[in-house]
Every structure is written in structure tokens, then in C-alpha cells.
Amino acid sequence: MKPSVLILGAHSDIGKAIAHAFAALGHPIQLAARNAGKLKADQSDIALRYNVAVSLHEFDALDLASHAAFVDGLSEMPEVAICVVGLMGEQSQNEQDLEAAIRVMRSNYEGPAHILAELANRFEVRGSGTLVGVSSVAGERGRATNYVYGSAKAGFSAFLSGLRNRLAQKGVHVVTVLPGFVVTKMTEGMDLPAPLTTTPDNVAKAVVDAVERRVNIIYIKRTWRYIMMIIRAIPEGIFKTRKI
């Protein structure tokens, strides 16, 4: 039997696509999210479609005090844990409503980092496993249009990098996923440039490939690697006068 895969933030379009991709390969799936009961239809669909075990687990990324008990309460310690928890919010609102800004920061950095830290310690003791964090190209340089969201993703990317460095000799691999624009409920209504936009299914395929080949950092659209390289290279004196 193939090892189980835990999806943290399983209500998301990307989370569901990743669950399907791993289940199609015969992996048992653990779907974790707030109001996990609302995933019963997805649970049945995945279980019947791929003939794998699928379990539901109540999980709140922002309730840090519950994370240790959540991990201890899993029926089986997963071999792969994938965190797709995130909240974009509205930059204009985040600038004025600091509570909203804090929620975005906690949803994209503090919560995801904390649960992966819990899992990392268990994986390290076991001596095996893969941790996957879905971050964002928005974290590669702060921009006026989304710096609250971007700053949280920057912190998460740095966390994943450090975790990868720490666990490299411990049998535990860490993958950082940088999707760019993805057609999901979170981006609904946004005018996304087609050449730079991907789908949840493409993200899922890339994640499966990265886990199997032990890739460290993946840009779902390769173009983003070069775009962000250019953006990072713009001198600050010029950068601050531009809206990018």
C-alpha cells in the first residue's frame, strides 16, 4: 500500500486537485480543513473514483494551540503533508483595517509555518517524509499592490527554505511551491494574464512530480522564475517610483 498524503486546507481548489492527483496514484488521502464535514462529497468522490481510503479531519490553521493535538489525533502519520492554507484579502482593505491585515499574515505565514513545524518534528524523529508548502511569487519582492499578502508569503518561503536546510540530512524533504496566478475561487473576478496563469490541476501535477523527484523549489509556470529575477534586480530607487 502506498503511503498516505495529508492535505491541509482541503477546501481550496488547489488542495482538492492535489488530493485527486495523489489518489489517482493509489495514495490514501487525509483531508484537513475547518468545517471538514463539508468535504464529505469530495471524500466519497475520491474514495470511489480511485479506490483509496479517504479520511476527514477538523483543522484550523489559526488555532495554533490545537495543532499538536491535531497531529496526535491523526489515525496514521502521513508520509507526505501538503499545506495549501492561504488568504489573499484585499490590499486596500488591509492598509486601513489592521485586523484584516493581521489575519492575512497569520493565514499565510504563522498558521502554515506552525503546523508544518509540528509535522517536521515528528517526521524528523521518524527519519522520513516530505513537507510541501504552497507559497507565492508575491513573496519575492514587496510591491505596493499586494505587500501585506506578499510579506506573509515571503516569510513562509524563508521558513520553508530554513526547514529544508535543517532537515536535509534527516531524511525529510521540503518543497516550496510558487504557483503565480491560478484560476481558483480566490482569484475569481480578477483579470489574469493568460500566459502567466495556470490551473489547480497543473499545480497538482507539478507537486506530485516534485515530491517524487525530490525537487526543492518549483515555479508552476517557468516564465515566473525569469519575471521575478528581473523584478528583484530593479534598483530600489527606480522600483519605488513604479507600480508593478
C-alpha atoms as a PDB file:
ATOM      1  CA  MET A   1       0.000   0.000   0.000  1.00  0.00           C
ATOM      2  CA  LYS A   2       1.250   3.462  -0.859  1.00  0.00           C
ATOM      3  CA  PRO A   3       1.840   5.956   1.972  1.00  0.00           C
ATOM      4  CA  SER A   4      -0.853   8.426   2.959  1.00  0.00           C
ATOM      5  CA  VAL A   5      -0.931  12.075   1.944  1.00  0.00           C
ATOM      6  CA  LEU A   6      -2.266  14.830   4.230  1.00  0.00           C
ATOM      7  CA  ILE A   7      -3.808  17.921   2.609  1.00  0.00           C
ATOM      8  CA  LEU A   8      -4.002  20.929   4.943  1.00  0.00           C
ATOM      9  CA  GLY A   9      -6.525  23.448   3.621  1.00  0.00           C
ATOM     10  CA  ALA A  10      -8.504  20.849   1.696  1.00  0.00           C
ATOM     11  CA  HIS A  11     -11.439  23.165   0.877  1.00  0.00           C
ATOM     12  CA  SER A  12      -9.254  25.050  -1.610  1.00  0.00           C
ATOM     13  CA  ASP A  13      -9.362  24.304  -5.326  1.00  0.00           C
ATOM     14  CA  ILE A  14      -5.644  23.566  -5.321  1.00  0.00           C
ATOM     15  CA  GLY A  15      -5.971  21.308  -2.297  1.00  0.00           C
ATOM     16  CA  LYS A  16      -8.718  19.262  -3.930  1.00  0.00           C
ATOM     17  CA  ALA A  17      -6.762  18.954  -7.173  1.00  0.00           C
ATOM     18  CA  ILE A  18      -3.698  17.731  -5.279  1.00  0.00           C
ATOM     19  CA  ALA A  19      -5.837  15.197  -3.407  1.00  0.00           C
ATOM     20  CA  HIS A  20      -7.144  13.814  -6.702  1.00  0.00           C
ATOM     21  CA  ALA A  21      -3.658  13.659  -8.213  1.00  0.00           C
ATOM     22  CA  PHE A  22      -2.194  11.615  -5.357  1.00  0.00           C
ATOM     23  CA  ALA A  23      -5.296   9.429  -5.009  1.00  0.00           C
ATOM     24  CA  ALA A  24      -5.057   8.586  -8.719  1.00  0.00           C
ATOM     25  CA  LEU A  25      -1.663   7.052  -7.929  1.00  0.00           C
ATOM     26  CA  GLY A  26      -3.125   4.932  -5.147  1.00  0.00           C
ATOM     27  CA  HIS A  27      -2.273   7.051  -2.092  1.00  0.00           C
ATOM     28  CA  PRO A  28      -4.711   7.138   0.836  1.00  0.00           C
ATOM     29  CA  ILE A  29      -5.778  10.751   1.440  1.00  0.00           C
ATOM     30  CA  GLN A  30      -6.339  12.726   4.631  1.00  0.00           C
ATOM     31  CA  LEU A  31      -8.382  15.888   4.022  1.00  0.00           C
ATOM     32  CA  ALA A  32      -7.962  18.511   6.753  1.00  0.00           C
ATOM     33  CA  ALA A  33      -9.823  21.809   6.965  1.00  0.00           C
ATOM     34  CA  ARG A  34     -12.214  23.894   9.021  1.00  0.00           C
ATOM     35  CA  ASN A  35     -15.744  22.523   8.809  1.00  0.00           C
ATOM     36  CA  ALA A  36     -14.316  19.304   7.426  1.00  0.00           C
ATOM     37  CA  GLY A  37     -17.782  17.781   7.295  1.00  0.00           C
ATOM     38  CA  LYS A  38     -18.497  19.907   4.227  1.00  0.00           C
ATOM     39  CA  LEU A  39     -15.924  17.781   2.380  1.00  0.00           C
ATOM     40  CA  LYS A  40     -17.993  14.593   2.623  1.00  0.00           C
ATOM     41  CA  ALA A  41     -18.979  14.744  -1.045  1.00  0.00           C
ATOM     42  CA  ASP A  42     -15.317  15.131  -2.024  1.00  0.00           C
ATOM     43  CA  GLN A  43     -14.391  12.306   0.322  1.00  0.00           C
ATOM     44  CA  SER A  44     -16.875   9.947  -1.328  1.00  0.00           C
ATOM     45  CA  ASP A  45     -15.931  11.031  -4.843  1.00  0.00           C
ATOM     46  CA  ILE A  46     -12.203  10.480  -4.325  1.00  0.00           C
ATOM     47  CA  ALA A  47     -12.688   7.186  -2.484  1.00  0.00           C
ATOM     48  CA  LEU A  48     -14.978   5.728  -5.142  1.00  0.00           C
ATOM     49  CA  ARG A  49     -13.141   7.124  -8.135  1.00  0.00           C
ATOM     50  CA  TYR A  50      -9.687   5.876  -7.129  1.00  0.00           C
ATOM     51  CA  ASN A  51     -10.500   3.063  -4.687  1.00  0.00           C
ATOM     52  CA  VAL A  52      -8.431   4.564  -1.863  1.00  0.00           C
ATOM     53  CA  ALA A  53      -9.154   5.355   1.764  1.00  0.00           C
ATOM     54  CA  VAL A  54     -10.092   8.995   2.379  1.00  0.00           C
ATOM     55  CA  SER A  55     -10.500  10.463   5.870  1.00  0.00           C
ATOM     56  CA  LEU A  56     -11.714  13.872   7.074  1.00  0.00           C
ATOM     57  CA  HIS A  57     -10.012  15.839   9.847  1.00  0.00           C
ATOM     58  CA  GLU A  58     -11.079  19.067  11.529  1.00  0.00           C
ATOM     59  CA  PHE A  59      -8.237  21.580  11.312  1.00  0.00           C
ATOM     60  CA  ASP A  60      -7.953  25.321  11.965  1.00  0.00           C
ATOM     61  CA  ALA A  61      -4.636  26.795  10.830  1.00  0.00           C
ATOM     62  CA  LEU A  62      -5.094  29.865  13.038  1.00  0.00           C
ATOM     63  CA  ASP A  63      -5.771  27.881  16.215  1.00  0.00           C
ATOM     64  CA  LEU A  64      -2.118  27.243  16.981  1.00  0.00           C
ATOM     65  CA  ALA A  65      -2.840  25.676  20.362  1.00  0.00           C
ATOM     66  CA  SER A  66      -4.765  22.873  18.641  1.00  0.00           C
ATOM     67  CA  HIS A  67      -2.047  21.844  16.198  1.00  0.00           C
ATOM     68  CA  ALA A  68      -0.181  19.353  18.375  1.00  0.00           C
ATOM     69  CA  ALA A  69      -3.411  17.569  19.296  1.00  0.00           C
ATOM     70  CA  PHE A  70      -4.471  17.598  15.645  1.00  0.00           C
ATOM     71  CA  VAL A  71      -1.277  15.803  14.594  1.00  0.00           C
ATOM     72  CA  ASP A  72      -1.506  13.361  17.510  1.00  0.00           C
ATOM     73  CA  GLY A  73      -5.111  12.627  16.581  1.00  0.00           C
ATOM     74  CA  LEU A  74      -4.390  11.542  13.002  1.00  0.00           C
ATOM     75  CA  SER A  75      -5.218   7.880  12.519  1.00  0.00           C
ATOM     76  CA  GLU A  76      -1.992   7.482  10.578  1.00  0.00           C
ATOM     77  CA  MET A  77       1.080   9.704  10.405  1.00  0.00           C
ATOM     78  CA  PRO A  78       1.288  10.755   6.743  1.00  0.00           C
ATOM     79  CA  GLU A  79       4.385  10.304   4.632  1.00  0.00           C
ATOM     80  CA  VAL A  80       3.580  13.489   2.690  1.00  0.00           C
ATOM     81  CA  ALA A  81       1.992  16.628   4.179  1.00  0.00           C
ATOM     82  CA  ILE A  82       0.961  19.476   1.890  1.00  0.00           C
ATOM     83  CA  CYS A  83      -0.119  22.877   3.202  1.00  0.00           C
ATOM     84  CA  VAL A  84      -2.258  24.934   0.826  1.00  0.00           C
ATOM     85  CA  VAL A  85      -3.703  27.197   3.522  1.00  0.00           C
ATOM     86  CA  GLY A  86      -3.855  30.833   2.462  1.00  0.00           C
ATOM     87  CA  LEU A  87      -5.870  34.050   2.337  1.00  0.00           C
ATOM     88  CA  MET A  88      -5.249  36.843  -0.150  1.00  0.00           C
ATOM     89  CA  GLY A  89      -7.570  39.530   1.166  1.00  0.00           C
ATOM     90  CA  GLU A  90      -7.818  42.984  -0.413  1.00  0.00           C
ATOM     91  CA  GLN A  91      -4.718  45.179  -0.249  1.00  0.00           C
ATOM     92  CA  SER A  92      -6.779  48.373   0.025  1.00  0.00           C
ATOM     93  CA  GLN A  93      -8.699  46.931   2.976  1.00  0.00           C
ATOM     94  CA  ASN A  94      -5.545  45.568   4.607  1.00  0.00           C
ATOM     95  CA  GLU A  95      -3.969  49.034   4.533  1.00  0.00           C
ATOM     96  CA  GLN A  96      -6.798  50.514   6.599  1.00  0.00           C
ATOM     97  CA  ASP A  97      -8.075  47.549   8.605  1.00  0.00           C
ATOM     98  CA  LEU A  98      -5.086  46.262  10.533  1.00  0.00           C
ATOM     99  CA  GLU A  99      -7.048  43.343  11.979  1.00  0.00           C
ATOM    100  CA  ALA A 100      -7.768  42.191   8.439  1.00  0.00           C
ATOM    101  CA  ALA A 101      -4.091  42.589   7.600  1.00  0.00           C
ATOM    102  CA  ILE A 102      -3.068  40.502  10.602  1.00  0.00           C
ATOM    103  CA  ARG A 103      -5.491  37.768   9.562  1.00  0.00           C
ATOM    104  CA  VAL A 104      -3.888  37.655   6.110  1.00  0.00           C
ATOM    105  CA  MET A 105      -0.436  37.499   7.656  1.00  0.00           C
ATOM    106  CA  ARG A 106      -1.388  34.750  10.099  1.00  0.00           C
ATOM    107  CA  SER A 107      -3.222  32.745   7.408  1.00  0.00           C
ATOM    108  CA  ASN A 108      -0.286  32.794   5.013  1.00  0.00           C
ATOM    109  CA  TYR A 109       2.639  32.539   7.403  1.00  0.00           C
ATOM    110  CA  GLU A 110       2.075  31.914  11.089  1.00  0.00           C
ATOM    111  CA  GLY A 111      -0.532  29.153  10.791  1.00  0.00           C
ATOM    112  CA  PRO A 112       1.083  27.248   7.908  1.00  0.00           C
ATOM    113  CA  ALA A 113       4.563  27.529   9.435  1.00  0.00           C
ATOM    114  CA  HIS A 114       3.351  26.354  12.837  1.00  0.00           C
ATOM    115  CA  ILE A 115       1.577  23.214  11.588  1.00  0.00           C
ATOM    116  CA  LEU A 116       4.484  22.280   9.315  1.00  0.00           C
ATOM    117  CA  ALA A 117       6.852  22.756  12.266  1.00  0.00           C
ATOM    118  CA  GLU A 118       4.749  20.293  14.281  1.00  0.00           C
ATOM    119  CA  LEU A 119       4.861  17.779  11.458  1.00  0.00           C
ATOM    120  CA  ALA A 120       8.551  18.416  10.788  1.00  0.00           C
ATOM    121  CA  ASN A 121       9.471  17.389  14.318  1.00  0.00           C
ATOM    122  CA  ARG A 122       7.513  14.130  14.006  1.00  0.00           C
ATOM    123  CA  PHE A 123       8.970  13.412  10.572  1.00  0.00           C
ATOM    124  CA  GLU A 124      12.484  14.105  11.842  1.00  0.00           C
ATOM    125  CA  VAL A 125      12.103  11.589  14.665  1.00  0.00           C
ATOM    126  CA  ARG A 126      10.772   9.033  12.167  1.00  0.00           C
ATOM    127  CA  GLY A 127      13.552   9.842   9.708  1.00  0.00           C
ATOM    128  CA  SER A 128      11.384  10.152   6.611  1.00  0.00           C
ATOM    129  CA  GLY A 129       8.685  12.194   4.922  1.00  0.00           C
ATOM    130  CA  THR A 130       8.027  15.133   2.636  1.00  0.00           C
ATOM    131  CA  LEU A 131       6.617  18.521   3.586  1.00  0.00           C
ATOM    132  CA  VAL A 132       5.174  20.759   0.878  1.00  0.00           C
ATOM    133  CA  GLY A 133       4.309  24.418   1.347  1.00  0.00           C
ATOM    134  CA  VAL A 134       2.385  26.401  -1.260  1.00  0.00           C
ATOM    135  CA  SER A 135       3.848  29.900  -1.125  1.00  0.00           C
ATOM    136  CA  SER A 136       3.737  32.573  -3.845  1.00  0.00           C
ATOM    137  CA  VAL A 137       5.891  34.580  -6.237  1.00  0.00           C
ATOM    138  CA  ALA A 138       4.332  37.583  -4.456  1.00  0.00           C
ATOM    139  CA  GLY A 139       6.787  36.918  -1.640  1.00  0.00           C
ATOM    140  CA  GLU A 140       9.862  37.543  -3.753  1.00  0.00           C
ATOM    141  CA  ARG A 141       9.662  41.342  -3.515  1.00  0.00           C
ATOM    142  CA  GLY A 142       7.284  43.660  -1.714  1.00  0.00           C
ATOM    143  CA  ARG A 143       5.048  45.563  -4.119  1.00  0.00           C
ATOM    144  CA  ALA A 144       2.501  48.274  -3.350  1.00  0.00           C
ATOM    145  CA  THR A 145      -0.331  46.279  -4.912  1.00  0.00           C
ATOM    146  CA  ASN A 146      -0.142  43.315  -2.505  1.00  0.00           C
ATOM    147  CA  TYR A 147       2.589  43.805   0.093  1.00  0.00           C
ATOM    148  CA  VAL A 148       0.555  42.521   3.053  1.00  0.00           C
ATOM    149  CA  TYR A 149      -0.104  39.187   1.361  1.00  0.00           C
ATOM    150  CA  GLY A 150       3.371  39.221  -0.205  1.00  0.00           C
ATOM    151  CA  SER A 151       5.153  39.858   3.080  1.00  0.00           C
ATOM    152  CA  ALA A 152       3.467  36.843   4.659  1.00  0.00           C
ATOM    153  CA  LYS A 153       4.381  34.643   1.720  1.00  0.00           C
ATOM    154  CA  ALA A 154       7.956  35.952   1.886  1.00  0.00           C
ATOM    155  CA  GLY A 155       8.139  34.839   5.499  1.00  0.00           C
ATOM    156  CA  PHE A 156       6.671  31.444   4.635  1.00  0.00           C
ATOM    157  CA  SER A 157       9.140  30.926   1.784  1.00  0.00           C
ATOM    158  CA  ALA A 158      12.042  31.796   4.092  1.00  0.00           C
ATOM    159  CA  PHE A 159      10.666  29.398   6.705  1.00  0.00           C
ATOM    160  CA  LEU A 160      10.453  26.574   4.175  1.00  0.00           C
ATOM    161  CA  SER A 161      13.989  27.304   2.986  1.00  0.00           C
ATOM    162  CA  GLY A 162      15.357  27.127   6.516  1.00  0.00           C
ATOM    163  CA  LEU A 163      13.346  23.994   7.286  1.00  0.00           C
ATOM    164  CA  ARG A 164      14.708  22.340   4.136  1.00  0.00           C
ATOM    165  CA  ASN A 165      18.251  23.218   5.187  1.00  0.00           C
ATOM    166  CA  ARG A 166      17.701  21.901   8.716  1.00  0.00           C
ATOM    167  CA  LEU A 167      16.160  18.590   7.634  1.00  0.00           C
ATOM    168  CA  ALA A 168      18.290  17.856   4.571  1.00  0.00           C
ATOM    169  CA  GLN A 169      20.377  15.282   6.437  1.00  0.00           C
ATOM    170  CA  LYS A 170      17.459  13.911   8.456  1.00  0.00           C
ATOM    171  CA  GLY A 171      15.627  12.020   5.715  1.00  0.00           C
ATOM    172  CA  VAL A 172      12.913  14.684   5.411  1.00  0.00           C
ATOM    173  CA  HIS A 173      12.447  16.679   2.221  1.00  0.00           C
ATOM    174  CA  VAL A 174      10.822  20.125   1.982  1.00  0.00           C
ATOM    175  CA  VAL A 175       9.280  21.517  -1.196  1.00  0.00           C
ATOM    176  CA  THR A 176       8.429  25.176  -1.858  1.00  0.00           C
ATOM    177  CA  VAL A 177       5.710  25.742  -4.469  1.00  0.00           C
ATOM    178  CA  LEU A 178       5.460  29.128  -6.219  1.00  0.00           C
ATOM    179  CA  PRO A 179       2.371  28.982  -8.437  1.00  0.00           C
ATOM    180  CA  GLY A 180       1.904  32.531  -9.740  1.00  0.00           C
ATOM    181  CA  PHE A 181      -1.648  33.230 -10.953  1.00  0.00           C
ATOM    182  CA  VAL A 182      -4.037  30.270 -10.592  1.00  0.00           C
ATOM    183  CA  VAL A 183      -7.666  30.142 -11.680  1.00  0.00           C
ATOM    184  CA  THR A 184      -9.427  29.472  -8.363  1.00  0.00           C
ATOM    185  CA  LYS A 185     -12.241  30.829  -6.214  1.00  0.00           C
ATOM    186  CA  MET A 186      -9.666  33.130  -4.585  1.00  0.00           C
ATOM    187  CA  THR A 187      -8.860  34.832  -7.924  1.00  0.00           C
ATOM    188  CA  GLU A 188     -12.427  34.855  -9.243  1.00  0.00           C
ATOM    189  CA  GLY A 189     -13.223  38.166 -10.891  1.00  0.00           C
ATOM    190  CA  MET A 190      -9.574  39.129 -11.353  1.00  0.00           C
ATOM    191  CA  ASP A 191      -8.284  39.937 -14.849  1.00  0.00           C
ATOM    192  CA  LEU A 192      -5.472  37.389 -15.027  1.00  0.00           C
ATOM    193  CA  PRO A 193      -2.948  37.386 -17.899  1.00  0.00           C
ATOM    194  CA  ALA A 194      -3.424  34.076 -19.701  1.00  0.00           C
ATOM    195  CA  PRO A 195       0.289  33.411 -20.445  1.00  0.00           C
ATOM    196  CA  LEU A 196       1.114  33.685 -16.723  1.00  0.00           C
ATOM    197  CA  THR A 197      -1.925  31.834 -15.395  1.00  0.00           C
ATOM    198  CA  THR A 198      -2.253  28.141 -14.595  1.00  0.00           C
ATOM    199  CA  THR A 199      -4.888  25.781 -13.229  1.00  0.00           C
ATOM    200  CA  PRO A 200      -5.203  23.789  -9.996  1.00  0.00           C
ATOM    201  CA  ASP A 201      -4.687  20.572 -11.974  1.00  0.00           C
ATOM    202  CA  ASN A 202      -1.366  21.823 -13.316  1.00  0.00           C
ATOM    203  CA  VAL A 203      -0.276  22.797  -9.817  1.00  0.00           C
ATOM    204  CA  ALA A 204      -1.241  19.327  -8.601  1.00  0.00           C
ATOM    205  CA  LYS A 205       0.766  17.580 -11.326  1.00  0.00           C
ATOM    206  CA  ALA A 206       3.807  19.701 -10.516  1.00  0.00           C
ATOM    207  CA  VAL A 207       3.504  18.949  -6.795  1.00  0.00           C
ATOM    208  CA  VAL A 208       3.291  15.196  -7.391  1.00  0.00           C
ATOM    209  CA  ASP A 209       6.348  15.386  -9.651  1.00  0.00           C
ATOM    210  CA  ALA A 210       8.294  17.479  -7.110  1.00  0.00           C
ATOM    211  CA  VAL A 211       7.541  15.011  -4.316  1.00  0.00           C
ATOM    212  CA  GLU A 212       8.527  12.011  -6.426  1.00  0.00           C
ATOM    213  CA  ARG A 213      11.739  13.603  -7.741  1.00  0.00           C
ATOM    214  CA  ARG A 214      12.563  15.462  -4.503  1.00  0.00           C
ATOM    215  CA  VAL A 215      12.646  18.865  -6.184  1.00  0.00           C
ATOM    216  CA  ASN A 216      13.291  21.782  -3.818  1.00  0.00           C
ATOM    217  CA  ILE A 217      11.544  24.806  -5.382  1.00  0.00           C
ATOM    218  CA  ILE A 218       9.045  24.778  -8.215  1.00  0.00           C
ATOM    219  CA  TYR A 219       7.591  27.574 -10.319  1.00  0.00           C
ATOM    220  CA  ILE A 220       4.466  26.172 -11.958  1.00  0.00           C
ATOM    221  CA  LYS A 221       4.972  28.491 -14.931  1.00  0.00           C
ATOM    222  CA  ARG A 222       8.696  28.714 -15.682  1.00  0.00           C
ATOM    223  CA  THR A 223       8.217  32.238 -17.004  1.00  0.00           C
ATOM    224  CA  TRP A 224       7.677  33.419 -13.432  1.00  0.00           C
ATOM    225  CA  ARG A 225      11.246  32.468 -12.493  1.00  0.00           C
ATOM    226  CA  TYR A 226      12.600  34.974 -15.006  1.00  0.00           C
ATOM    227  CA  ILE A 227       9.986  37.637 -14.336  1.00  0.00           C
ATOM    228  CA  MET A 228      10.782  37.634 -10.636  1.00  0.00           C
ATOM    229  CA  MET A 229      14.503  37.581 -11.345  1.00  0.00           C
ATOM    230  CA  ILE A 230      14.051  40.831 -13.268  1.00  0.00           C
ATOM    231  CA  ILE A 231      11.775  42.375 -10.635  1.00  0.00           C
ATOM    232  CA  ARG A 232      14.262  41.546  -7.853  1.00  0.00           C
ATOM    233  CA  ALA A 233      17.063  43.151  -9.880  1.00  0.00           C
ATOM    234  CA  ILE A 234      15.368  46.561 -10.310  1.00  0.00           C
ATOM    235  CA  PRO A 235      17.225  49.150  -8.174  1.00  0.00           C
ATOM    236  CA  GLU A 236      15.159  50.338  -5.214  1.00  0.00           C
ATOM    237  CA  GLY A 237      15.347  53.965  -6.303  1.00  0.00           C
ATOM    238  CA  ILE A 238      13.616  53.071  -9.570  1.00  0.00           C
ATOM    239  CA  PHE A 239      11.391  50.365  -8.131  1.00  0.00           C
ATOM    240  CA  LYS A 240       9.703  52.639  -5.586  1.00  0.00           C
ATOM    241  CA  THR A 241       8.551  55.005  -8.348  1.00  0.00           C
ATOM    242  CA  ARG A 242       6.847  52.261 -10.346  1.00  0.00           C
ATOM    243  CA  LYS A 243       3.592  50.393  -9.859  1.00  0.00           C
ATOM    244  CA  ILE A 244       4.343  46.775 -10.728  1.00  0.00           C
END
